[in-house]
Amino acid sequence: MALEKTKEIVDSNPVTVFSKTYCPYCVQVKRLLTKLGASFKAVELDTESDGSEVQAALFQFTGQRTVPNVFIGGKHIGGCDATVALNGKGGLVPLLAEAGAIAKVSAA
């Protein structure tokens, strides 16, 4: 049940961040996405009634046990380090644009 719910959330949002409200790495990722102007769905596992089941399903789905657990365009990106590294290499904004989470930047 939790695995189907998890996949449904990922499939129905351009960007999904599975997070916990008190996690500093989660805050860092959400702050980065906000700074880039991306629309995203944050699922706070510590406030969801089935959060521990969803977290177990995420591990089953991705092999990643920790949060944040970031998906862009249905593709698993990883956690905070992977997301920040992707941004540092210039790969995050194009992925966000391709997923429809930010406006595409046109070259003038």
C-alpha atoms as a PDB file:
ATOM      1  CA  MET A   1       0.000   0.000   0.000  1.00  0.00           C
ATOM      2  CA  ALA A   2       2.732   2.500   0.969  1.00  0.00           C
ATOM      3  CA  LEU A   3       4.777   1.617  -2.124  1.00  0.00           C
ATOM      4  CA  GLU A   4       1.813   2.355  -4.426  1.00  0.00           C
ATOM      5  CA  LYS A   5       1.151   5.627  -2.576  1.00  0.00           C
ATOM      6  CA  THR A   6       4.823   6.595  -2.876  1.00  0.00           C
ATOM      7  CA  LYS A   7       4.930   5.891  -6.621  1.00  0.00           C
ATOM      8  CA  GLU A   8       1.633   7.781  -7.119  1.00  0.00           C
ATOM      9  CA  ILE A   9       3.032  10.871  -5.346  1.00  0.00           C
ATOM     10  CA  VAL A  10       6.231  10.739  -7.427  1.00  0.00           C
ATOM     11  CA  ASP A  11       4.306  10.254 -10.685  1.00  0.00           C
ATOM     12  CA  SER A  12       1.836  13.073 -10.026  1.00  0.00           C
ATOM     13  CA  ASN A  13       4.356  15.817  -9.133  1.00  0.00           C
ATOM     14  CA  PRO A  14       7.181  17.278 -11.253  1.00  0.00           C
ATOM     15  CA  VAL A  15       9.392  17.389  -8.150  1.00  0.00           C
ATOM     16  CA  THR A  16       8.896  15.476  -4.917  1.00  0.00           C
ATOM     17  CA  VAL A  17      10.993  15.766  -1.781  1.00  0.00           C
ATOM     18  CA  PHE A  18      10.390  13.138   0.872  1.00  0.00           C
ATOM     19  CA  SER A  19      11.521  14.966   3.957  1.00  0.00           C
ATOM     20  CA  LYS A  20      11.332  15.341   7.729  1.00  0.00           C
ATOM     21  CA  THR A  21      10.556  18.728   9.239  1.00  0.00           C
ATOM     22  CA  TYR A  22      13.504  18.665  11.654  1.00  0.00           C
ATOM     23  CA  CYS A  23      16.155  17.404   9.201  1.00  0.00           C
ATOM     24  CA  PRO A  24      18.732  20.098   8.324  1.00  0.00           C
ATOM     25  CA  TYR A  25      19.613  18.362   5.027  1.00  0.00           C
ATOM     26  CA  CYS A  26      15.945  18.365   4.038  1.00  0.00           C
ATOM     27  CA  VAL A  27      15.726  22.071   4.866  1.00  0.00           C
ATOM     28  CA  GLN A  28      18.813  22.695   2.713  1.00  0.00           C
ATOM     29  CA  VAL A  29      17.311  20.913  -0.314  1.00  0.00           C
ATOM     30  CA  LYS A  30      13.913  22.627   0.040  1.00  0.00           C
ATOM     31  CA  ARG A  31      15.671  25.997   0.409  1.00  0.00           C
ATOM     32  CA  LEU A  32      17.733  25.336  -2.755  1.00  0.00           C
ATOM     33  CA  LEU A  33      14.644  24.372  -4.771  1.00  0.00           C
ATOM     34  CA  THR A  34      12.791  27.441  -3.485  1.00  0.00           C
ATOM     35  CA  LYS A  35      15.755  29.680  -4.375  1.00  0.00           C
ATOM     36  CA  LEU A  36      15.723  28.249  -7.912  1.00  0.00           C
ATOM     37  CA  GLY A  37      11.994  29.028  -8.142  1.00  0.00           C
ATOM     38  CA  ALA A  38      10.995  25.385  -8.488  1.00  0.00           C
ATOM     39  CA  SER A  39       7.553  24.162  -7.573  1.00  0.00           C
ATOM     40  CA  PHE A  40       7.785  20.956  -5.588  1.00  0.00           C
ATOM     41  CA  LYS A  41       5.796  18.730  -3.280  1.00  0.00           C
ATOM     42  CA  ALA A  42       7.342  18.129   0.112  1.00  0.00           C
ATOM     43  CA  VAL A  43       6.098  15.044   1.918  1.00  0.00           C
ATOM     44  CA  GLU A  44       7.023  15.430   5.584  1.00  0.00           C
ATOM     45  CA  LEU A  45       7.355  11.847   6.751  1.00  0.00           C
ATOM     46  CA  ASP A  46       7.456  12.803  10.435  1.00  0.00           C
ATOM     47  CA  THR A  47       3.989  14.368  10.194  1.00  0.00           C
ATOM     48  CA  GLU A  48       2.331  11.759   7.938  1.00  0.00           C
ATOM     49  CA  SER A  49       0.380   9.036   9.770  1.00  0.00           C
ATOM     50  CA  ASP A  50       2.036   6.410   7.546  1.00  0.00           C
ATOM     51  CA  GLY A  51       5.414   8.157   7.300  1.00  0.00           C
ATOM     52  CA  SER A  52       7.459   5.197   8.536  1.00  0.00           C
ATOM     53  CA  GLU A  53       5.725   2.897   6.034  1.00  0.00           C
ATOM     54  CA  VAL A  54       6.375   5.392   3.225  1.00  0.00           C
ATOM     55  CA  GLN A  55      10.026   5.645   4.273  1.00  0.00           C
ATOM     56  CA  ALA A  56      10.296   1.831   4.199  1.00  0.00           C
ATOM     57  CA  ALA A  57       8.652   1.838   0.748  1.00  0.00           C
ATOM     58  CA  LEU A  58      11.159   4.453  -0.446  1.00  0.00           C
ATOM     59  CA  PHE A  59      13.999   2.163   0.632  1.00  0.00           C
ATOM     60  CA  GLN A  60      12.372  -0.698  -1.269  1.00  0.00           C
ATOM     61  CA  PHE A  61      11.834   1.585  -4.313  1.00  0.00           C
ATOM     62  CA  THR A  62      15.225   3.373  -4.388  1.00  0.00           C
ATOM     63  CA  GLY A  63      17.634   1.609  -2.049  1.00  0.00           C
ATOM     64  CA  GLN A  64      17.965   4.878  -0.133  1.00  0.00           C
ATOM     65  CA  ARG A  65      16.920   4.784   3.518  1.00  0.00           C
ATOM     66  CA  THR A  66      17.608   8.427   4.416  1.00  0.00           C
ATOM     67  CA  VAL A  67      15.858  11.745   3.786  1.00  0.00           C
ATOM     68  CA  PRO A  68      15.725  13.926   1.878  1.00  0.00           C
ATOM     69  CA  ASN A  69      14.815  11.608  -0.948  1.00  0.00           C
ATOM     70  CA  VAL A  70      14.438  13.703  -4.101  1.00  0.00           C
ATOM     71  CA  PHE A  71      12.642  12.858  -7.355  1.00  0.00           C
ATOM     72  CA  ILE A  72      12.562  15.096 -10.440  1.00  0.00           C
ATOM     73  CA  GLY A  73      10.372  14.171 -13.378  1.00  0.00           C
ATOM     74  CA  GLY A  74       9.780  10.764 -11.827  1.00  0.00           C
ATOM     75  CA  LYS A  75      13.531  10.090 -11.720  1.00  0.00           C
ATOM     76  CA  HIS A  76      15.256   9.384  -8.406  1.00  0.00           C
ATOM     77  CA  ILE A  77      17.984  11.995  -7.826  1.00  0.00           C
ATOM     78  CA  GLY A  78      19.101  10.972  -4.344  1.00  0.00           C
ATOM     79  CA  GLY A  79      19.629  12.927  -1.163  1.00  0.00           C
ATOM     80  CA  CYS A  80      20.988  16.317  -0.203  1.00  0.00           C
ATOM     81  CA  ASP A  81      24.582  15.720  -1.369  1.00  0.00           C
ATOM     82  CA  ALA A  82      23.461  14.392  -4.767  1.00  0.00           C
ATOM     83  CA  THR A  83      21.009  17.275  -5.296  1.00  0.00           C
ATOM     84  CA  VAL A  84      23.525  19.961  -4.285  1.00  0.00           C
ATOM     85  CA  ALA A  85      26.253  18.324  -6.411  1.00  0.00           C
ATOM     86  CA  LEU A  86      23.912  18.184  -9.409  1.00  0.00           C
ATOM     87  CA  ASN A  87      23.207  21.886  -8.966  1.00  0.00           C
ATOM     88  CA  GLY A  88      26.941  22.624  -8.672  1.00  0.00           C
ATOM     89  CA  LYS A  89      27.550  20.880 -11.996  1.00  0.00           C
ATOM     90  CA  GLY A  90      24.771  22.883 -13.642  1.00  0.00           C
ATOM     91  CA  GLY A  91      22.525  19.856 -14.102  1.00  0.00           C
ATOM     92  CA  LEU A  92      19.721  20.662 -11.675  1.00  0.00           C
ATOM     93  CA  VAL A  93      18.078  23.631 -13.430  1.00  0.00           C
ATOM     94  CA  PRO A  94      17.767  21.844 -16.824  1.00  0.00           C
ATOM     95  CA  LEU A  95      16.207  18.820 -15.093  1.00  0.00           C
ATOM     96  CA  LEU A  96      13.763  21.068 -13.233  1.00  0.00           C
ATOM     97  CA  ALA A  97      12.862  22.861 -16.478  1.00  0.00           C
ATOM     98  CA  GLU A  98      12.410  19.577 -18.342  1.00  0.00           C
ATOM     99  CA  ALA A  99      10.094  18.329 -15.577  1.00  0.00           C
ATOM    100  CA  GLY A 100       8.061  21.547 -15.775  1.00  0.00           C
ATOM    101  CA  ALA A 101       8.942  22.651 -12.253  1.00  0.00           C
ATOM    102  CA  ILE A 102      10.472  25.942 -13.398  1.00  0.00           C
ATOM    103  CA  ALA A 103      10.014  28.099 -16.470  1.00  0.00           C
ATOM    104  CA  LYS A 104      12.344  27.189 -19.283  1.00  0.00           C
ATOM    105  CA  VAL A 105      15.052  29.780 -19.766  1.00  0.00           C
ATOM    106  CA  SER A 106      15.363  30.800 -23.392  1.00  0.00           C
ATOM    107  CA  ALA A 107      18.715  31.789 -24.849  1.00  0.00           C
ATOM    108  CA  ALA A 108      18.599  35.347 -26.125  1.00  0.00           C
END
